[in-house]
Amino acid sequence: MALRLLLPLLLLLAATLLIAQAQGIGSSASDCCLKNSQNAIPRSLVKSYILQGSESGCLLRSVVFITKKNKKICASPTDPAVQKLMQHLDKKVKNDKKDKKKGQSPRPGGRPKRQKRQRV
């Protein structure tokens, strides 16, 4: 008697789990790169990057560059040009943090503020 009640409940639970998995509920891999770009990425367009790989639930290892217009560009982490751009962004973030500690806000273009001449 108990088996007659338990079997339909187990089947219902199994079906619910399969449907939820098929729809991707609870999946963090919904925004993964499927292909890496082969084109050069201009430095002036990029503001930051994140790394994508199996630890983030994605199959393809990629560097995801975020542009100033919040677009995403996927690139190969083994490409020397990509590595150089990552180093440039890391250096830029480090310098920006250093400037904030000193109480200075970074100027556009990275140029220092022009000093006014004093009249004698």
N, C-alpha and C. Protein backbone atom coordinates (compact mmCIF):
# COMPACT_ATOMS: atom_id res chain seq x y z
N MET A 1 0.82 -1.19 0.00
CA MET A 1 0.00 0.00 0.00
C MET A 1 0.87 1.26 0.00
N ALA A 2 1.87 1.30 0.90
CA ALA A 2 2.77 2.45 0.98
C ALA A 2 3.58 2.60 -0.31
N LEU A 3 3.91 1.49 -0.95
CA LEU A 3 4.68 1.52 -2.19
C LEU A 3 3.87 2.17 -3.31
N ARG A 4 2.56 1.97 -3.31
CA ARG A 4 1.69 2.56 -4.33
C ARG A 4 1.68 4.09 -4.21
N LEU A 5 1.81 4.63 -3.02
CA LEU A 5 1.84 6.08 -2.82
C LEU A 5 3.23 6.67 -3.05
N LEU A 6 4.24 5.91 -2.69
CA LEU A 6 5.61 6.40 -2.77
C LEU A 6 6.12 6.46 -4.21
N LEU A 7 5.76 5.49 -5.02
CA LEU A 7 6.24 5.42 -6.40
C LEU A 7 5.82 6.64 -7.23
N PRO A 8 4.54 7.04 -7.22
CA PRO A 8 4.17 8.24 -8.00
C PRO A 8 4.87 9.50 -7.50
N LEU A 9 5.08 9.61 -6.19
CA LEU A 9 5.78 10.78 -5.65
C LEU A 9 7.23 10.82 -6.12
N LEU A 10 7.89 9.69 -6.14
CA LEU A 10 9.28 9.63 -6.61
C LEU A 10 9.37 9.97 -8.10
N LEU A 11 8.42 9.47 -8.88
CA LEU A 11 8.40 9.79 -10.31
C LEU A 11 8.16 11.28 -10.54
N LEU A 12 7.27 11.86 -9.78
CA LEU A 12 7.00 13.30 -9.89
C LEU A 12 8.23 14.13 -9.52
N LEU A 13 8.91 13.72 -8.46
CA LEU A 13 10.13 14.42 -8.04
C LEU A 13 11.22 14.32 -9.11
N ALA A 14 11.41 13.14 -9.67
CA ALA A 14 12.42 12.94 -10.71
C ALA A 14 12.11 13.78 -11.94
N ALA A 15 10.84 13.82 -12.34
CA ALA A 15 10.44 14.61 -13.51
C ALA A 15 10.68 16.10 -13.26
N THR A 16 10.36 16.57 -12.06
CA THR A 16 10.57 17.98 -11.72
C THR A 16 12.06 18.35 -11.79
N LEU A 17 12.91 17.49 -11.26
CA LEU A 17 14.35 17.75 -11.30
C LEU A 17 14.88 17.77 -12.73
N LEU A 18 14.42 16.87 -13.56
CA LEU A 18 14.87 16.83 -14.95
C LEU A 18 14.43 18.08 -15.72
N ILE A 19 13.21 18.51 -15.50
CA ILE A 19 12.71 19.72 -16.17
C ILE A 19 13.49 20.94 -15.71
N ALA A 20 13.74 21.06 -14.41
CA ALA A 20 14.49 22.20 -13.87
C ALA A 20 15.90 22.23 -14.43
N GLN A 21 16.54 21.08 -14.55
CA GLN A 21 17.90 21.01 -15.08
C GLN A 21 17.91 21.36 -16.56
N ALA A 22 16.92 20.92 -17.31
CA ALA A 22 16.85 21.20 -18.74
C ALA A 22 16.63 22.68 -19.00
N GLN A 23 15.89 23.36 -18.12
CA GLN A 23 15.64 24.78 -18.29
C GLN A 23 16.79 25.64 -17.79
N GLY A 24 17.73 25.05 -17.09
CA GLY A 24 18.89 25.80 -16.61
C GLY A 24 18.62 26.56 -15.33
N ILE A 25 17.62 26.18 -14.57
CA ILE A 25 17.33 26.86 -13.31
C ILE A 25 18.48 26.59 -12.35
N GLY A 26 19.01 27.66 -11.80
CA GLY A 26 20.11 27.52 -10.86
C GLY A 26 21.46 27.35 -11.54
N SER A 27 21.51 27.52 -12.84
CA SER A 27 22.76 27.36 -13.57
C SER A 27 23.46 28.70 -13.67
N SER A 28 24.75 28.75 -13.31
CA SER A 28 25.51 29.99 -13.41
C SER A 28 26.20 30.13 -14.75
N ALA A 29 26.06 29.15 -15.63
CA ALA A 29 26.75 29.15 -16.91
C ALA A 29 25.91 29.75 -18.03
N SER A 30 24.95 30.58 -17.71
CA SER A 30 24.06 31.12 -18.73
C SER A 30 24.72 32.23 -19.55
N ASP A 31 25.83 32.79 -19.10
CA ASP A 31 26.47 33.90 -19.81
C ASP A 31 27.92 33.55 -20.14
N CYS A 32 28.14 32.38 -20.73
CA CYS A 32 29.48 31.93 -21.06
C CYS A 32 29.84 32.26 -22.51
N CYS A 33 31.13 32.49 -22.75
CA CYS A 33 31.61 32.65 -24.11
C CYS A 33 31.58 31.30 -24.80
N LEU A 34 31.13 31.28 -26.02
CA LEU A 34 31.10 30.05 -26.80
C LEU A 34 32.24 30.02 -27.81
N LYS A 35 32.82 31.21 -28.08
CA LYS A 35 33.89 31.32 -29.08
C LYS A 35 34.74 32.53 -28.73
N ASN A 36 36.05 32.41 -28.92
CA ASN A 36 36.96 33.53 -28.67
C ASN A 36 37.18 34.32 -29.95
N SER A 37 37.25 35.63 -29.82
CA SER A 37 37.49 36.51 -30.96
C SER A 37 38.93 36.38 -31.42
N GLN A 38 39.15 36.44 -32.71
CA GLN A 38 40.49 36.39 -33.29
C GLN A 38 41.01 37.79 -33.62
N ASN A 39 40.15 38.80 -33.51
CA ASN A 39 40.52 40.18 -33.86
C ASN A 39 41.28 40.85 -32.71
N ALA A 40 42.12 41.81 -33.06
CA ALA A 40 42.82 42.60 -32.06
C ALA A 40 41.82 43.48 -31.32
N ILE A 41 42.01 43.63 -30.02
CA ILE A 41 41.09 44.43 -29.20
C ILE A 41 41.78 45.74 -28.85
N PRO A 42 41.24 46.88 -29.30
CA PRO A 42 41.86 48.17 -29.01
C PRO A 42 41.83 48.50 -27.52
N ARG A 43 42.96 48.95 -27.01
CA ARG A 43 43.09 49.32 -25.59
C ARG A 43 42.09 50.38 -25.17
N SER A 44 41.85 51.32 -26.07
CA SER A 44 41.01 52.47 -25.73
C SER A 44 39.55 52.10 -25.50
N LEU A 45 39.11 50.93 -25.99
CA LEU A 45 37.72 50.53 -25.84
C LEU A 45 37.44 49.81 -24.52
N VAL A 46 38.49 49.23 -23.90
CA VAL A 46 38.31 48.31 -22.78
C VAL A 46 38.47 49.02 -21.44
N LYS A 47 37.56 48.69 -20.48
CA LYS A 47 37.68 49.26 -19.14
C LYS A 47 38.04 48.21 -18.09
N SER A 48 37.71 46.93 -18.32
CA SER A 48 38.03 45.89 -17.35
C SER A 48 37.95 44.52 -18.01
N TYR A 49 38.24 43.48 -17.22
CA TYR A 49 38.11 42.11 -17.72
C TYR A 49 37.81 41.16 -16.58
N ILE A 50 37.27 40.00 -16.94
CA ILE A 50 37.07 38.91 -15.99
C ILE A 50 37.53 37.62 -16.65
N LEU A 51 37.89 36.64 -15.84
CA LEU A 51 38.32 35.35 -16.36
C LEU A 51 37.15 34.38 -16.31
N GLN A 52 37.03 33.58 -17.36
CA GLN A 52 35.97 32.59 -17.45
C GLN A 52 36.60 31.22 -17.63
N GLY A 53 36.07 30.23 -16.93
CA GLY A 53 36.58 28.87 -17.08
C GLY A 53 35.67 27.89 -16.38
N SER A 54 36.21 26.71 -16.11
CA SER A 54 35.41 25.67 -15.48
C SER A 54 34.98 26.06 -14.07
N GLU A 55 35.77 26.88 -13.38
CA GLU A 55 35.40 27.31 -12.03
C GLU A 55 34.16 28.21 -12.04
N SER A 56 33.88 28.83 -13.18
CA SER A 56 32.68 29.67 -13.29
C SER A 56 31.55 28.93 -13.99
N GLY A 57 31.75 27.64 -14.25
CA GLY A 57 30.69 26.82 -14.85
C GLY A 57 30.67 26.87 -16.37
N CYS A 58 31.73 27.35 -16.98
CA CYS A 58 31.79 27.47 -18.44
C CYS A 58 32.77 26.45 -19.01
N LEU A 59 32.50 25.99 -20.21
CA LEU A 59 33.36 24.99 -20.84
C LEU A 59 34.63 25.61 -21.45
N LEU A 60 34.51 26.80 -22.01
CA LEU A 60 35.61 27.45 -22.72
C LEU A 60 36.35 28.40 -21.78
N ARG A 61 37.69 28.26 -21.70
CA ARG A 61 38.50 29.21 -20.94
C ARG A 61 38.66 30.46 -21.79
N SER A 62 38.29 31.60 -21.21
CA SER A 62 38.35 32.86 -21.94
C SER A 62 38.65 34.01 -21.00
N VAL A 63 39.12 35.09 -21.60
CA VAL A 63 39.21 36.37 -20.92
C VAL A 63 38.07 37.19 -21.50
N VAL A 64 37.18 37.67 -20.65
CA VAL A 64 36.04 38.46 -21.10
C VAL A 64 36.34 39.93 -20.82
N PHE A 65 36.61 40.68 -21.88
CA PHE A 65 36.87 42.11 -21.74
C PHE A 65 35.55 42.85 -21.75
N ILE A 66 35.42 43.83 -20.83
CA ILE A 66 34.23 44.67 -20.75
C ILE A 66 34.60 46.03 -21.34
N THR A 67 33.87 46.45 -22.36
CA THR A 67 34.17 47.72 -23.01
C THR A 67 33.54 48.88 -22.23
N LYS A 68 33.88 50.08 -22.62
CA LYS A 68 33.33 51.27 -21.98
C LYS A 68 31.83 51.39 -22.22
N LYS A 69 31.33 50.70 -23.26
CA LYS A 69 29.89 50.68 -23.55
C LYS A 69 29.22 49.43 -22.98
N ASN A 70 29.93 48.74 -22.05
CA ASN A 70 29.45 47.52 -21.38
C ASN A 70 29.14 46.37 -22.33
N LYS A 71 29.88 46.28 -23.42
CA LYS A 71 29.81 45.13 -24.32
C LYS A 71 30.87 44.13 -23.85
N LYS A 72 30.68 42.87 -24.17
CA LYS A 72 31.62 41.83 -23.78
C LYS A 72 32.32 41.28 -25.01
N ILE A 73 33.66 41.15 -24.90
CA ILE A 73 34.47 40.58 -25.98
C ILE A 73 35.25 39.42 -25.38
N CYS A 74 35.09 38.25 -25.94
CA CYS A 74 35.78 37.06 -25.46
C CYS A 74 37.09 36.88 -26.22
N ALA A 75 38.15 36.54 -25.49
CA ALA A 75 39.47 36.37 -26.10
C ALA A 75 40.20 35.21 -25.44
N SER A 76 41.16 34.66 -26.17
CA SER A 76 41.94 33.52 -25.67
C SER A 76 42.95 33.98 -24.62
N PRO A 77 42.99 33.32 -23.46
CA PRO A 77 43.95 33.72 -22.42
C PRO A 77 45.39 33.38 -22.78
N THR A 78 45.63 32.58 -23.81
CA THR A 78 47.00 32.23 -24.20
C THR A 78 47.57 33.18 -25.26
N ASP A 79 46.75 34.05 -25.80
CA ASP A 79 47.20 35.00 -26.82
C ASP A 79 48.08 36.07 -26.16
N PRO A 80 49.31 36.29 -26.66
CA PRO A 80 50.21 37.28 -26.05
C PRO A 80 49.63 38.71 -26.03
N ALA A 81 48.89 39.08 -27.06
CA ALA A 81 48.29 40.43 -27.09
C ALA A 81 47.23 40.56 -26.00
N VAL A 82 46.50 39.50 -25.74
CA VAL A 82 45.48 39.50 -24.68
C VAL A 82 46.15 39.61 -23.31
N GLN A 83 47.24 38.88 -23.11
CA GLN A 83 47.98 38.94 -21.85
C GLN A 83 48.54 40.34 -21.61
N LYS A 84 49.03 40.97 -22.67
CA LYS A 84 49.57 42.32 -22.56
C LYS A 84 48.47 43.32 -22.19
N LEU A 85 47.29 43.16 -22.78
CA LEU A 85 46.17 44.04 -22.47
C LEU A 85 45.70 43.84 -21.03
N MET A 86 45.71 42.59 -20.56
CA MET A 86 45.36 42.31 -19.16
C MET A 86 46.35 42.99 -18.21
N GLN A 87 47.64 42.91 -18.52
CA GLN A 87 48.67 43.55 -17.68
C GLN A 87 48.47 45.06 -17.66
N HIS A 88 48.14 45.63 -18.81
CA HIS A 88 47.90 47.08 -18.89
C HIS A 88 46.72 47.48 -18.00
N LEU A 89 45.64 46.69 -18.04
CA LEU A 89 44.47 46.99 -17.21
C LEU A 89 44.78 46.82 -15.73
N ASP A 90 45.55 45.79 -15.38
CA ASP A 90 45.95 45.58 -13.99
C ASP A 90 46.77 46.76 -13.48
N LYS A 91 47.69 47.23 -14.30
CA LYS A 91 48.55 48.36 -13.93
C LYS A 91 47.71 49.62 -13.76
N LYS A 92 46.74 49.81 -14.65
CA LYS A 92 45.88 50.98 -14.59
C LYS A 92 45.05 50.98 -13.30
N VAL A 93 44.50 49.83 -12.92
CA VAL A 93 43.72 49.72 -11.69
C VAL A 93 44.60 49.99 -10.48
N LYS A 94 45.83 49.46 -10.50
CA LYS A 94 46.75 49.66 -9.38
C LYS A 94 47.09 51.14 -9.24
N ASN A 95 47.34 51.83 -10.36
CA ASN A 95 47.66 53.26 -10.32
C ASN A 95 46.47 54.09 -9.86
N ASP A 96 45.26 53.71 -10.28
CA ASP A 96 44.06 54.43 -9.85
C ASP A 96 43.86 54.31 -8.35
N LYS A 97 44.13 53.12 -7.79
CA LYS A 97 44.00 52.93 -6.34
C LYS A 97 45.03 53.76 -5.60
N LYS A 98 46.24 53.83 -6.17
CA LYS A 98 47.31 54.61 -5.55
C LYS A 98 46.95 56.10 -5.54
N ASP A 99 46.37 56.58 -6.64
CA ASP A 99 45.96 57.99 -6.72
C ASP A 99 44.85 58.30 -5.73
N LYS A 100 43.93 57.38 -5.53
CA LYS A 100 42.84 57.60 -4.58
C LYS A 100 43.35 57.66 -3.15
N LYS A 101 44.38 56.86 -2.85
CA LYS A 101 44.97 56.89 -1.51
C LYS A 101 45.62 58.23 -1.24
N LYS A 102 46.22 58.84 -2.26
CA LYS A 102 46.86 60.14 -2.11
C LYS A 102 45.86 61.28 -2.07
N GLY A 103 44.61 60.96 -2.40
CA GLY A 103 43.58 61.99 -2.39
C GLY A 103 43.45 62.72 -3.70
N GLN A 104 44.08 62.23 -4.73
CA GLN A 104 43.99 62.84 -6.04
C GLN A 104 43.04 62.04 -6.90
N SER A 105 42.25 62.74 -7.67
CA SER A 105 41.42 62.02 -8.62
C SER A 105 42.15 62.00 -9.96
N PRO A 106 42.19 60.87 -10.63
CA PRO A 106 42.90 60.80 -11.90
C PRO A 106 42.21 61.66 -12.96
N ARG A 107 43.01 62.39 -13.72
CA ARG A 107 42.48 63.25 -14.77
C ARG A 107 42.33 62.45 -16.05
N PRO A 108 41.36 62.83 -16.90
CA PRO A 108 41.21 62.14 -18.19
C PRO A 108 42.49 62.24 -18.99
N GLY A 109 42.89 61.17 -19.60
CA GLY A 109 44.11 61.17 -20.40
C GLY A 109 45.35 60.95 -19.57
N GLY A 110 45.23 60.90 -18.26
CA GLY A 110 46.36 60.64 -17.38
C GLY A 110 47.33 61.80 -17.25
N ARG A 111 46.91 62.99 -17.69
CA ARG A 111 47.81 64.15 -17.61
C ARG A 111 47.67 64.86 -16.27
N PRO A 112 48.77 65.38 -15.73
CA PRO A 112 48.67 66.13 -14.46
C PRO A 112 48.01 67.49 -14.69
N LYS A 113 47.46 68.04 -13.63
CA LYS A 113 46.80 69.34 -13.72
C LYS A 113 47.84 70.42 -13.94
N ARG A 114 47.51 71.37 -14.80
CA ARG A 114 48.44 72.44 -15.13
C ARG A 114 48.48 73.45 -14.00
N GLN A 115 49.69 73.87 -13.63
CA GLN A 115 49.87 74.83 -12.55
C GLN A 115 49.74 76.25 -13.10
N LYS A 116 49.11 77.14 -12.32
CA LYS A 116 48.98 78.53 -12.73
C LYS A 116 50.26 79.27 -12.37
N ARG A 117 50.64 80.19 -13.22
CA ARG A 117 51.82 81.02 -12.94
C ARG A 117 51.46 82.12 -11.97
N GLN A 118 52.37 82.39 -11.08
CA GLN A 118 52.16 83.49 -10.15
C GLN A 118 52.83 84.74 -10.68
N ARG A 119 52.12 85.85 -10.58
CA ARG A 119 52.67 87.11 -11.04
C ARG A 119 53.47 87.73 -9.90
N VAL A 120 54.58 88.33 -10.25
CA VAL A 120 55.46 88.94 -9.25
C VAL A 120 55.36 90.42 -9.29
